[in-house]
C-alpha atoms as a PDB file:
ATOM      1  CA  UNK A   1       0.061  -0.282  -0.075  1.00  0.00           C
ATOM      2  CA  UNK A   2       1.219   3.513  -0.970  1.00  0.00           C
ATOM      3  CA  UNK A   3       2.020   5.621   2.128  1.00  0.00           C
ATOM      4  CA  UNK A   4      -0.863   7.464   3.251  1.00  0.00           C
ATOM      5  CA  UNK A   5      -0.681  11.493   3.513  1.00  0.00           C
ATOM      6  CA  UNK A   6      -1.295  13.241   6.864  1.00  0.00           C
ATOM      7  CA  UNK A   7      -4.373  14.760   5.407  1.00  0.00           C
ATOM      8  CA  UNK A   8      -5.707  11.344   4.219  1.00  0.00           C
ATOM      9  CA  UNK A   9      -5.094  10.120   7.701  1.00  0.00           C
ATOM     10  CA  UNK A  10      -6.980  13.319   9.402  1.00  0.00           C
ATOM     11  CA  UNK A  11     -10.067  12.560   6.724  1.00  0.00           C
ATOM     12  CA  UNK A  12      -9.886   8.870   7.992  1.00  0.00           C
ATOM     13  CA  UNK A  13      -9.702  10.300  11.767  1.00  0.00           C
ATOM     14  CA  UNK A  14     -12.908  12.427  11.392  1.00  0.00           C
ATOM     15  CA  UNK A  15     -14.755   9.293   9.955  1.00  0.00           C
ATOM     16  CA  UNK A  16     -13.783   7.339  12.868  1.00  0.00           C
ATOM     17  CA  UNK A  17     -14.635  10.035  15.610  1.00  0.00           C
ATOM     18  CA  UNK A  18     -17.265   8.566  17.946  1.00  0.00           C
ATOM     19  CA  UNK A  19     -18.943  10.383  20.604  1.00  0.00           C
ATOM     20  CA  UNK A  20     -21.680   8.723  22.734  1.00  0.00           C
ATOM     21  CA  UNK A  21     -21.707   6.054  20.290  1.00  0.00           C
ATOM     22  CA  UNK A  22     -22.548   8.408  17.451  1.00  0.00           C
ATOM     23  CA  UNK A  23     -20.467   9.221  14.203  1.00  0.00           C
ATOM     24  CA  UNK A  24     -20.233  12.152  11.882  1.00  0.00           C
ATOM     25  CA  UNK A  25     -22.223  11.776   8.699  1.00  0.00           C
ATOM     26  CA  UNK A  26     -19.763  10.221   5.955  1.00  0.00           C
ATOM     27  CA  UNK A  27     -21.317  11.732   2.877  1.00  0.00           C
ATOM     28  CA  UNK A  28     -21.369  15.098   4.683  1.00  0.00           C
ATOM     29  CA  UNK A  29     -17.808  14.920   5.557  1.00  0.00           C
ATOM     30  CA  UNK A  30     -17.046  13.830   1.826  1.00  0.00           C
ATOM     31  CA  UNK A  31     -18.661  17.004   0.594  1.00  0.00           C
ATOM     32  CA  UNK A  32     -17.112  19.102   3.285  1.00  0.00           C
ATOM     33  CA  UNK A  33     -13.267  18.075   2.903  1.00  0.00           C
ATOM     34  CA  UNK A  34     -12.672  17.868  -0.826  1.00  0.00           C
ATOM     35  CA  UNK A  35      -9.699  20.157  -0.568  1.00  0.00           C
ATOM     36  CA  UNK A  36      -6.730  20.299   2.059  1.00  0.00           C
ATOM     37  CA  UNK A  37      -8.084  23.955   3.298  1.00  0.00           C
ATOM     38  CA  UNK A  38     -11.485  22.671   3.634  1.00  0.00           C
ATOM     39  CA  UNK A  39     -10.333  19.743   5.781  1.00  0.00           C
ATOM     40  CA  UNK A  40      -8.371  22.179   7.845  1.00  0.00           C
ATOM     41  CA  UNK A  41     -11.099  24.128   8.419  1.00  0.00           C
ATOM     42  CA  UNK A  42     -13.293  20.621   9.616  1.00  0.00           C
ATOM     43  CA  UNK A  43     -10.428  19.785  11.774  1.00  0.00           C
ATOM     44  CA  UNK A  44     -10.646  22.936  13.294  1.00  0.00           C
ATOM     45  CA  UNK A  45     -14.351  22.406  14.406  1.00  0.00           C
ATOM     46  CA  UNK A  46     -16.118  24.135  11.761  1.00  0.00           C
ATOM     47  CA  UNK A  47     -19.010  22.679   9.647  1.00  0.00           C
ATOM     48  CA  UNK A  48     -19.617  25.294   6.956  1.00  0.00           C
ATOM     49  CA  UNK A  49     -22.304  23.371   5.256  1.00  0.00           C
ATOM     50  CA  UNK A  50     -26.158  24.258   5.711  1.00  0.00           C
ATOM     51  CA  UNK A  51     -27.551  21.018   6.314  1.00  0.00           C
ATOM     52  CA  UNK A  52     -29.324  18.792   8.872  1.00  0.00           C
ATOM     53  CA  UNK A  53     -26.446  16.338   8.675  1.00  0.00           C
ATOM     54  CA  UNK A  54     -23.908  19.486   9.588  1.00  0.00           C
ATOM     55  CA  UNK A  55     -26.008  20.687  12.221  1.00  0.00           C
ATOM     56  CA  UNK A  56     -26.143  17.342  14.129  1.00  0.00           C
ATOM     57  CA  UNK A  57     -22.497  16.950  13.389  1.00  0.00           C
ATOM     58  CA  UNK A  58     -21.143  19.916  15.102  1.00  0.00           C
ATOM     59  CA  UNK A  59     -21.579  18.801  18.806  1.00  0.00           C
ATOM     60  CA  UNK A  60     -19.971  15.386  17.692  1.00  0.00           C
ATOM     61  CA  UNK A  61     -17.007  17.201  15.757  1.00  0.00           C
ATOM     62  CA  UNK A  62     -16.057  19.628  18.425  1.00  0.00           C
ATOM     63  CA  UNK A  63     -16.403  17.048  21.282  1.00  0.00           C
ATOM     64  CA  UNK A  64     -14.763  14.469  19.479  1.00  0.00           C
ATOM     65  CA  UNK A  65     -11.526  16.645  18.468  1.00  0.00           C
ATOM     66  CA  UNK A  66     -10.738  17.188  22.193  1.00  0.00           C
ATOM     67  CA  UNK A  67      -9.259  13.603  22.071  1.00  0.00           C
ATOM     68  CA  UNK A  68      -8.016  12.010  18.822  1.00  0.00           C
ATOM     69  CA  UNK A  69      -6.179   9.060  20.310  1.00  0.00           C
ATOM     70  CA  UNK A  70      -8.808   6.440  20.086  1.00  0.00           C
ATOM     71  CA  UNK A  71     -10.020   7.319  16.298  1.00  0.00           C
ATOM     72  CA  UNK A  72      -6.103   7.768  15.365  1.00  0.00           C
ATOM     73  CA  UNK A  73      -5.409   4.281  16.576  1.00  0.00           C
ATOM     74  CA  UNK A  74      -8.477   2.817  15.085  1.00  0.00           C
ATOM     75  CA  UNK A  75      -7.384   4.389  11.605  1.00  0.00           C
ATOM     76  CA  UNK A  76      -3.656   3.094  12.002  1.00  0.00           C
ATOM     77  CA  UNK A  77      -5.186  -0.490  12.833  1.00  0.00           C
ATOM     78  CA  UNK A  78      -7.378  -0.112   9.402  1.00  0.00           C
ATOM     79  CA  UNK A  79      -4.607   0.871   7.392  1.00  0.00           C
ATOM     80  CA  UNK A  80      -2.392  -1.981   8.481  1.00  0.00           C
ATOM     81  CA  UNK A  81      -5.155  -4.409   7.593  1.00  0.00           C
ATOM     82  CA  UNK A  82      -5.453  -2.642   4.152  1.00  0.00           C
ATOM     83  CA  UNK A  83      -1.836  -2.932   3.642  1.00  0.00           C
ATOM     84  CA  UNK A  84      -1.602  -6.553   4.473  1.00  0.00           C
ATOM     85  CA  UNK A  85      -4.487  -7.255   1.966  1.00  0.00           C
ATOM     86  CA  UNK A  86      -2.221  -5.584  -0.753  1.00  0.00           C
ATOM     87  CA  UNK A  87      -5.104  -2.465  -0.981  1.00  0.00           C
ATOM     88  CA  UNK A  88      -4.573   0.929  -1.454  1.00  0.00           C
ATOM     89  CA  UNK A  89      -6.457   4.027  -0.309  1.00  0.00           C
ATOM     90  CA  UNK A  90      -7.980   7.064  -2.180  1.00  0.00           C
ATOM     91  CA  UNK A  91      -9.982  10.085  -0.561  1.00  0.00           C
ATOM     92  CA  UNK A  92     -12.185  12.826  -2.032  1.00  0.00           C
ATOM     93  CA  UNK A  93      -8.801  15.188  -1.418  1.00  0.00           C
ATOM     94  CA  UNK A  94      -7.223  13.230  -4.097  1.00  0.00           C
ATOM     95  CA  UNK A  95      -7.420  14.534  -7.926  1.00  0.00           C
ATOM     96  CA  UNK A  96      -7.780  11.014  -9.065  1.00  0.00           C
ATOM     97  CA  UNK A  97     -10.763  10.228  -6.977  1.00  0.00           C
ATOM     98  CA  UNK A  98     -13.205   8.588  -9.340  1.00  0.00           C
ATOM     99  CA  UNK A  99     -14.675  11.068 -11.556  1.00  0.00           C
ATOM    100  CA  UNK A 100     -18.412  10.012 -11.644  1.00  0.00           C
ATOM    101  CA  UNK A 101     -18.665   9.516  -7.929  1.00  0.00           C
ATOM    102  CA  UNK A 102     -17.275  13.087  -7.160  1.00  0.00           C
ATOM    103  CA  UNK A 103     -20.623  14.304  -9.039  1.00  0.00           C
ATOM    104  CA  UNK A 104     -22.885  12.789  -6.562  1.00  0.00           C
ATOM    105  CA  UNK A 105     -24.193  14.350  -3.430  1.00  0.00           C
ATOM    106  CA  UNK A 106     -23.934  11.146  -1.136  1.00  0.00           C
ATOM    107  CA  UNK A 107     -20.248  10.212  -2.465  1.00  0.00           C
ATOM    108  CA  UNK A 108     -18.170   8.380   0.371  1.00  0.00           C
ATOM    109  CA  UNK A 109     -14.996  10.374   1.785  1.00  0.00           C
ATOM    110  CA  UNK A 110     -12.747   7.136   1.131  1.00  0.00           C
ATOM    111  CA  UNK A 111     -12.341   4.005  -1.010  1.00  0.00           C
ATOM    112  CA  UNK A 112      -9.904   1.248  -0.431  1.00  0.00           C
ATOM    113  CA  UNK A 113      -9.087  -0.860  -3.418  1.00  0.00           C
ATOM    114  CA  UNK A 114      -7.140  -3.740  -4.946  1.00  0.00           C
ATOM    115  CA  UNK A 115      -6.146  -3.553  -8.629  1.00  0.00           C
ATOM    116  CA  UNK A 116      -5.785  -0.173 -10.495  1.00  0.00           C
ATOM    117  CA  UNK A 117      -8.431   2.509 -10.788  1.00  0.00           C
ATOM    118  CA  UNK A 118      -8.180   3.889 -14.177  1.00  0.00           C
ATOM    119  CA  UNK A 119      -9.526   7.337 -16.011  1.00  0.00           C
ATOM    120  CA  UNK A 120     -11.012   5.188 -18.679  1.00  0.00           C
ATOM    121  CA  UNK A 121     -13.565   3.774 -15.760  1.00  0.00           C
ATOM    122  CA  UNK A 122     -15.466   6.917 -16.167  1.00  0.00           C
ATOM    123  CA  UNK A 123     -17.020   5.370 -19.398  1.00  0.00           C
ATOM    124  CA  UNK A 124     -18.878   2.836 -17.573  1.00  0.00           C
ATOM    125  CA  UNK A 125     -22.142   1.326 -16.531  1.00  0.00           C
ATOM    126  CA  UNK A 126     -23.236  -1.176 -13.677  1.00  0.00           C
ATOM    127  CA  UNK A 127     -24.965  -4.445 -14.827  1.00  0.00           C
ATOM    128  CA  UNK A 128     -26.949  -5.318 -12.071  1.00  0.00           C
ATOM    129  CA  UNK A 129     -30.074  -7.664 -11.155  1.00  0.00           C
ATOM    130  CA  UNK A 130     -31.390 -10.303  -8.527  1.00  0.00           C
ATOM    131  CA  UNK A 131     -29.190 -13.038  -6.341  1.00  0.00           C
ATOM    132  CA  UNK A 132     -31.649 -15.685  -7.347  1.00  0.00           C
ATOM    133  CA  UNK A 133     -31.465 -15.263 -11.336  1.00  0.00           C
ATOM    134  CA  UNK A 134     -33.038 -17.130 -13.960  1.00  0.00           C
ATOM    135  CA  UNK A 135     -30.571 -19.214 -16.341  1.00  0.00           C
ATOM    136  CA  UNK A 136     -32.247 -16.630 -19.179  1.00  0.00           C
ATOM    137  CA  UNK A 137     -31.116 -13.595 -16.756  1.00  0.00           C
ATOM    138  CA  UNK A 138     -27.882 -14.786 -16.212  1.00  0.00           C
ATOM    139  CA  UNK A 139     -27.319 -15.296 -20.145  1.00  0.00           C
ATOM    140  CA  UNK A 140     -28.787 -12.182 -20.692  1.00  0.00           C
ATOM    141  CA  UNK A 141     -26.492 -10.426 -18.300  1.00  0.00           C
ATOM    142  CA  UNK A 142     -23.385 -12.255 -19.721  1.00  0.00           C
ATOM    143  CA  UNK A 143     -24.266 -11.164 -23.441  1.00  0.00           C
ATOM    144  CA  UNK A 144     -25.010  -7.478 -22.268  1.00  0.00           C
ATOM    145  CA  UNK A 145     -21.358  -7.532 -20.675  1.00  0.00           C
ATOM    146  CA  UNK A 146     -19.928  -8.946 -23.510  1.00  0.00           C
ATOM    147  CA  UNK A 147     -21.664  -6.577 -25.968  1.00  0.00           C
ATOM    148  CA  UNK A 148     -20.509  -3.624 -23.599  1.00  0.00           C
ATOM    149  CA  UNK A 149     -16.814  -4.941 -23.855  1.00  0.00           C
ATOM    150  CA  UNK A 150     -17.116  -4.576 -27.545  1.00  0.00           C
ATOM    151  CA  UNK A 151     -17.588  -0.975 -27.034  1.00  0.00           C
ATOM    152  CA  UNK A 152     -14.868  -0.513 -24.664  1.00  0.00           C
ATOM    153  CA  UNK A 153     -17.333   0.171 -21.813  1.00  0.00           C
ATOM    154  CA  UNK A 154     -16.078  -0.667 -18.597  1.00  0.00           C
ATOM    155  CA  UNK A 155     -18.557  -3.231 -16.676  1.00  0.00           C
ATOM    156  CA  UNK A 156     -19.388  -2.622 -12.852  1.00  0.00           C
ATOM    157  CA  UNK A 157     -21.267  -4.832 -10.648  1.00  0.00           C
ATOM    158  CA  UNK A 158     -21.561  -5.974  -7.137  1.00  0.00           C
ATOM    159  CA  UNK A 159     -19.882  -9.388  -6.849  1.00  0.00           C
ATOM    160  CA  UNK A 160     -23.218 -10.906  -5.538  1.00  0.00           C
ATOM    161  CA  UNK A 161     -24.639 -14.297  -6.819  1.00  0.00           C
ATOM    162  CA  UNK A 162     -26.739 -14.276  -9.913  1.00  0.00           C
ATOM    163  CA  UNK A 163     -26.774 -11.528 -12.185  1.00  0.00           C
ATOM    164  CA  UNK A 164     -23.662  -9.864 -10.698  1.00  0.00           C
ATOM    165  CA  UNK A 165     -21.759 -12.878 -11.220  1.00  0.00           C
ATOM    166  CA  UNK A 166     -22.772 -13.414 -14.824  1.00  0.00           C
ATOM    167  CA  UNK A 167     -21.903  -9.770 -15.427  1.00  0.00           C
ATOM    168  CA  UNK A 168     -18.523  -9.965 -14.255  1.00  0.00           C
ATOM    169  CA  UNK A 169     -17.820 -13.387 -15.517  1.00  0.00           C
ATOM    170  CA  UNK A 170     -19.362 -12.437 -19.043  1.00  0.00           C
ATOM    171  CA  UNK A 171     -16.805  -9.135 -19.286  1.00  0.00           C
ATOM    172  CA  UNK A 172     -13.688 -11.493 -18.178  1.00  0.00           C
ATOM    173  CA  UNK A 173     -14.664 -13.969 -20.817  1.00  0.00           C
ATOM    174  CA  UNK A 174     -14.637 -11.088 -23.426  1.00  0.00           C
ATOM    175  CA  UNK A 175     -11.347  -9.801 -22.314  1.00  0.00           C
ATOM    176  CA  UNK A 176     -12.924  -6.414 -20.772  1.00  0.00           C
ATOM    177  CA  UNK A 177     -12.474  -4.726 -17.831  1.00  0.00           C
ATOM    178  CA  UNK A 178     -14.528  -5.345 -14.993  1.00  0.00           C
ATOM    179  CA  UNK A 179     -14.857  -3.575 -11.270  1.00  0.00           C
ATOM    180  CA  UNK A 180     -16.363  -4.972  -8.410  1.00  0.00           C
ATOM    181  CA  UNK A 181     -17.982  -2.787  -5.753  1.00  0.00           C
ATOM    182  CA  UNK A 182     -17.932  -4.959  -2.572  1.00  0.00           C
ATOM    183  CA  UNK A 183     -20.514  -4.942   0.474  1.00  0.00           C
ATOM    184  CA  UNK A 184     -17.482  -5.928   2.817  1.00  0.00           C
ATOM    185  CA  UNK A 185     -14.393  -4.321   3.574  1.00  0.00           C
ATOM    186  CA  UNK A 186     -11.423  -4.895   1.341  1.00  0.00           C
ATOM    187  CA  UNK A 187      -9.708  -6.898   3.744  1.00  0.00           C
ATOM    188  CA  UNK A 188     -12.688  -8.836   4.845  1.00  0.00           C
ATOM    189  CA  UNK A 189     -13.650 -12.099   3.598  1.00  0.00           C
ATOM    190  CA  UNK A 190     -15.330 -11.876   0.232  1.00  0.00           C
ATOM    191  CA  UNK A 191     -19.306 -12.296  -0.037  1.00  0.00           C
ATOM    192  CA  UNK A 192     -20.670 -14.701  -1.011  1.00  0.00           C
ATOM    193  CA  UNK A 193     -17.888 -17.188  -0.121  1.00  0.00           C
ATOM    194  CA  UNK A 194     -18.118 -18.819  -3.607  1.00  0.00           C
ATOM    195  CA  UNK A 195     -17.146 -15.724  -5.345  1.00  0.00           C
ATOM    196  CA  UNK A 196     -13.600 -15.628  -3.855  1.00  0.00           C
ATOM    197  CA  UNK A 197     -12.415 -17.339  -6.960  1.00  0.00           C
ATOM    198  CA  UNK A 198     -13.971 -14.644  -8.989  1.00  0.00           C
ATOM    199  CA  UNK A 199     -12.621 -11.797  -7.189  1.00  0.00           C
ATOM    200  CA  UNK A 200      -8.925 -13.127  -7.655  1.00  0.00           C
ATOM    201  CA  UNK A 201      -9.915 -13.508 -11.280  1.00  0.00           C
ATOM    202  CA  UNK A 202     -10.963  -9.945 -11.620  1.00  0.00           C
ATOM    203  CA  UNK A 203      -7.710  -8.955 -10.283  1.00  0.00           C
ATOM    204  CA  UNK A 204      -5.604 -11.538 -12.455  1.00  0.00           C
ATOM    205  CA  UNK A 205      -7.415  -9.921 -15.751  1.00  0.00           C
ATOM    206  CA  UNK A 206      -6.451  -6.276 -14.848  1.00  0.00           C
ATOM    207  CA  UNK A 207      -9.605  -5.314 -13.198  1.00  0.00           C
ATOM    208  CA  UNK A 208     -10.604  -3.963  -9.818  1.00  0.00           C
ATOM    209  CA  UNK A 209     -12.324  -4.753  -5.999  1.00  0.00           C
ATOM    210  CA  UNK A 210     -13.511  -1.254  -4.593  1.00  0.00           C
ATOM    211  CA  UNK A 211     -14.748  -0.755  -1.015  1.00  0.00           C
ATOM    212  CA  UNK A 212     -16.291   2.223   0.808  1.00  0.00           C
ATOM    213  CA  UNK A 213     -16.221   0.412   4.057  1.00  0.00           C
ATOM    214  CA  UNK A 214     -13.471  -0.050   6.659  1.00  0.00           C
ATOM    215  CA  UNK A 215     -10.895  -2.584   5.452  1.00  0.00           C
ATOM    216  CA  UNK A 216     -11.898  -5.038   8.215  1.00  0.00           C
ATOM    217  CA  UNK A 217     -15.875  -4.494   8.056  1.00  0.00           C
ATOM    218  CA  UNK A 218     -17.788  -7.746   7.571  1.00  0.00           C
ATOM    219  CA  UNK A 219     -20.888  -8.071   5.326  1.00  0.00           C
ATOM    220  CA  UNK A 220     -24.109  -6.500   7.159  1.00  0.00           C
ATOM    221  CA  UNK A 221     -27.748  -5.927   6.004  1.00  0.00           C
ATOM    222  CA  UNK A 222     -26.948  -2.168   5.681  1.00  0.00           C
ATOM    223  CA  UNK A 223     -23.821  -2.480   3.880  1.00  0.00           C
ATOM    224  CA  UNK A 224     -25.411  -3.719   0.493  1.00  0.00           C
ATOM    225  CA  UNK A 225     -27.836  -0.693  -0.010  1.00  0.00           C
ATOM    226  CA  UNK A 226     -24.803   1.606   1.087  1.00  0.00           C
ATOM    227  CA  UNK A 227     -22.628  -0.427  -1.782  1.00  0.00           C
ATOM    228  CA  UNK A 228     -25.505   0.263  -4.387  1.00  0.00           C
ATOM    229  CA  UNK A 229     -25.218   3.829  -3.594  1.00  0.00           C
ATOM    230  CA  UNK A 230     -21.513   3.764  -4.762  1.00  0.00           C
ATOM    231  CA  UNK A 231     -22.253   1.572  -7.765  1.00  0.00           C
ATOM    232  CA  UNK A 232     -24.520   3.919  -8.934  1.00  0.00           C
ATOM    233  CA  UNK A 233     -22.379   7.007  -8.466  1.00  0.00           C
ATOM    234  CA  UNK A 234     -19.276   5.523  -9.911  1.00  0.00           C
ATOM    235  CA  UNK A 235     -20.777   4.751 -13.333  1.00  0.00           C
ATOM    236  CA  UNK A 236     -22.917   6.785 -16.090  1.00  0.00           C
ATOM    237  CA  UNK A 237     -25.924   4.596 -15.692  1.00  0.00           C
ATOM    238  CA  UNK A 238     -27.388   1.372 -14.369  1.00  0.00           C
ATOM    239  CA  UNK A 239     -28.656  -1.608 -16.412  1.00  0.00           C
ATOM    240  CA  UNK A 240     -31.104  -3.972 -14.572  1.00  0.00           C
ATOM    241  CA  UNK A 241     -31.483  -7.539 -16.052  1.00  0.00           C
ATOM    242  CA  UNK A 242     -33.870  -9.007 -13.893  1.00  0.00           C
ATOM    243  CA  UNK A 243     -35.211  -7.837 -10.421  1.00  0.00           C
ATOM    244  CA  UNK A 244     -38.489  -8.059  -8.344  1.00  0.00           C
ATOM    245  CA  UNK A 245     -39.988  -5.639  -6.607  1.00  0.00           C
ATOM    246  CA  UNK A 246     -37.967  -6.162  -3.293  1.00  0.00           C
ATOM    247  CA  UNK A 247     -34.435  -6.489  -4.918  1.00  0.00           C
ATOM    248  CA  UNK A 248     -31.431  -4.272  -4.104  1.00  0.00           C
ATOM    249  CA  UNK A 249     -31.249  -3.792  -8.162  1.00  0.00           C
ATOM    250  CA  UNK A 250     -34.620  -1.856  -7.949  1.00  0.00           C
ATOM    251  CA  UNK A 251     -33.340   0.216  -5.355  1.00  0.00           C
ATOM    252  CA  UNK A 252     -30.110   0.771  -7.164  1.00  0.00           C
ATOM    253  CA  UNK A 253     -32.269   1.594 -10.013  1.00  0.00           C
ATOM    254  CA  UNK A 254     -34.239   4.211  -7.683  1.00  0.00           C
ATOM    255  CA  UNK A 255     -30.731   5.756  -6.546  1.00  0.00           C
ATOM    256  CA  UNK A 256     -29.366   6.090 -10.038  1.00  0.00           C
ATOM    257  CA  UNK A 257     -32.548   8.319 -10.936  1.00  0.00           C
ATOM    258  CA  UNK A 258     -31.967  10.216  -8.014  1.00  0.00           C
ATOM    259  CA  UNK A 259     -28.413  10.746  -9.171  1.00  0.00           C
ATOM    260  CA  UNK A 260     -29.429  11.874 -12.445  1.00  0.00           C
ATOM    261  CA  UNK A 261     -27.707   8.955 -14.061  1.00  0.00           C
ATOM    262  CA  UNK A 262     -28.930   6.627 -16.817  1.00  0.00           C
ATOM    263  CA  UNK A 263     -31.501   3.961 -15.603  1.00  0.00           C
ATOM    264  CA  UNK A 264     -31.763   1.003 -18.398  1.00  0.00           C
ATOM    265  CA  UNK A 265     -34.135  -1.443 -17.873  1.00  0.00           C
ATOM    266  CA  UNK A 266     -34.196  -4.822 -19.971  1.00  0.00           C
ATOM    267  CA  UNK A 267     -37.435  -5.029 -22.239  1.00  0.00           C
ATOM    268  CA  UNK A 268     -38.296  -8.567 -20.642  1.00  0.00           C
ATOM    269  CA  UNK A 269     -38.093  -6.682 -17.165  1.00  0.00           C
ATOM    270  CA  UNK A 270     -40.307  -3.878 -18.141  1.00  0.00           C
ATOM    271  CA  UNK A 271     -43.076  -6.426 -19.218  1.00  0.00           C
ATOM    272  CA  UNK A 272     -42.783  -8.572 -16.140  1.00  0.00           C
ATOM    273  CA  UNK A 273     -42.358  -6.061 -13.295  1.00  0.00           C
ATOM    274  CA  UNK A 274     -44.813  -3.191 -12.733  1.00  0.00           C
ATOM    275  CA  UNK A 275     -42.321  -1.191 -10.727  1.00  0.00           C
ATOM    276  CA  UNK A 276     -40.081  -1.383 -14.322  1.00  0.00           C
ATOM    277  CA  UNK A 277     -42.904  -0.375 -16.198  1.00  0.00           C
ATOM    278  CA  UNK A 278     -43.659   2.769 -14.008  1.00  0.00           C
ATOM    279  CA  UNK A 279     -40.107   3.828 -13.990  1.00  0.00           C
ATOM    280  CA  UNK A 280     -40.048   4.003 -17.865  1.00  0.00           C
ATOM    281  CA  UNK A 281     -43.740   5.289 -18.153  1.00  0.00           C
ATOM    282  CA  UNK A 282     -42.581   8.423 -15.865  1.00  0.00           C
ATOM    283  CA  UNK A 283     -39.564   9.005 -17.792  1.00  0.00           C
ATOM    284  CA  UNK A 284     -37.064   7.832 -15.271  1.00  0.00           C
ATOM    285  CA  UNK A 285     -35.551   4.869 -16.951  1.00  0.00           C
ATOM    286  CA  UNK A 286     -35.152   3.676 -20.745  1.00  0.00           C
ATOM    287  CA  UNK A 287     -36.502   0.576 -22.064  1.00  0.00           C
ATOM    288  CA  UNK A 288     -33.375  -1.339 -23.668  1.00  0.00           C
ATOM    289  CA  UNK A 289     -34.138  -3.793 -26.666  1.00  0.00           C
ATOM    290  CA  UNK A 290     -30.406  -3.890 -27.850  1.00  0.00           C
ATOM    291  CA  UNK A 291     -27.124  -2.506 -26.813  1.00  0.00           C
ATOM    292  CA  UNK A 292     -27.549   0.751 -29.165  1.00  0.00           C
ATOM    293  CA  UNK A 293     -30.409   1.764 -26.454  1.00  0.00           C
ATOM    294  CA  UNK A 294     -27.756   2.091 -24.147  1.00  0.00           C
ATOM    295  CA  UNK A 295     -24.535   3.242 -26.257  1.00  0.00           C
ATOM    296  CA  UNK A 296     -26.688   6.199 -27.602  1.00  0.00           C
ATOM    297  CA  UNK A 297     -27.156   7.768 -23.973  1.00  0.00           C
ATOM    298  CA  UNK A 298     -23.535   7.027 -22.629  1.00  0.00           C
ATOM    299  CA  UNK A 299     -21.578  10.282 -22.770  1.00  0.00           C
ATOM    300  CA  UNK A 300     -17.641  10.297 -23.109  1.00  0.00           C
ATOM    301  CA  UNK A 301     -14.973   9.806 -20.358  1.00  0.00           C
ATOM    302  CA  UNK A 302     -13.487  13.029 -21.283  1.00  0.00           C
ATOM    303  CA  UNK A 303     -16.838  15.174 -20.398  1.00  0.00           C
ATOM    304  CA  UNK A 304     -17.364  13.215 -17.215  1.00  0.00           C
ATOM    305  CA  UNK A 305     -13.634  14.175 -15.967  1.00  0.00           C
ATOM    306  CA  UNK A 306     -14.252  17.907 -16.971  1.00  0.00           C
ATOM    307  CA  UNK A 307     -17.512  17.834 -14.849  1.00  0.00           C
ATOM    308  CA  UNK A 308     -15.494  16.250 -11.868  1.00  0.00           C
ATOM    309  CA  UNK A 309     -13.015  19.001 -12.419  1.00  0.00           C
ATOM    310  CA  UNK A 310     -15.125  21.562 -12.349  1.00  0.00           C
ATOM    311  CA  UNK A 311     -17.130  20.404  -9.114  1.00  0.00           C
ATOM    312  CA  UNK A 312     -13.536  20.406  -7.446  1.00  0.00           C
ATOM    313  CA  UNK A 313     -12.964  23.936  -8.661  1.00  0.00           C
ATOM    314  CA  UNK A 314     -16.394  24.956  -7.209  1.00  0.00           C
ATOM    315  CA  UNK A 315     -15.308  23.380  -4.210  1.00  0.00           C
ATOM    316  CA  UNK A 316     -11.983  25.355  -4.128  1.00  0.00           C
ATOM    317  CA  UNK A 317     -13.810  28.385  -5.037  1.00  0.00           C
ATOM    318  CA  UNK A 318     -16.147  28.081  -1.989  1.00  0.00           C
ATOM    319  CA  UNK A 319     -13.043  28.511   0.778  1.00  0.00           C
END
């Protein structure tokens, strides 16, 4: 793992602050700490954001800053675990923080990752769906992944069973790049266990594993919805292959729409699931019959990077 800077450690320390069992809102911290000067302001006990999260956080911040020993010790232990697993750290303070992710309001303050994060990842889509996928659904996911690879689109998914597995596998079989956004810490056991081999194969074929959680964090019910937020934010859009009304993939479609991302729903899904038909009818999603329905609505990686830099410049200008 590359050497962490003092500013990165300060940001992680803020994330680890705990006062009477309460933590600072991480998304609020990510919005507040995108430049060194902004981080210094927060480390001085000031939160300039006018939001409910900031109002609640001021008391936690000012009390927590009185004694940072426990928080810094926790950060050191997590960084050691990340290093042991071969992972690296990137934060909102870093210029090469994923460009798509910087554009959403609920971005994570840091990511731990194995493999490489690349500028080309900006031109990407998430291919997602139910864990209890049908054979037809898995076949559709793998075919969509292969077709995306042929058009130099990076395929993101969540390393779950079912559709996610088919999307990652189809990408690898086509010689493409895939990024797995994990619902556990980067140094924790891969979940589900049967995808440990797939995770290693992703790394062997120049893909990446990414986590927004502390490196040793285990899987929990709340980590997977949080993972979906990052998977949506890190891509240009989300393609849902097969998902019921209670599926996490449906949740990701809603999140992607809230992010202003493209939402693509396979035609068979739209005909079988009322929630999908409703999203299409309301203009929140696009029905997909063929790959051209997706490609025609994807922008360029260059435009995403320009927008990301503009967002960063706005943060600098707001100091």
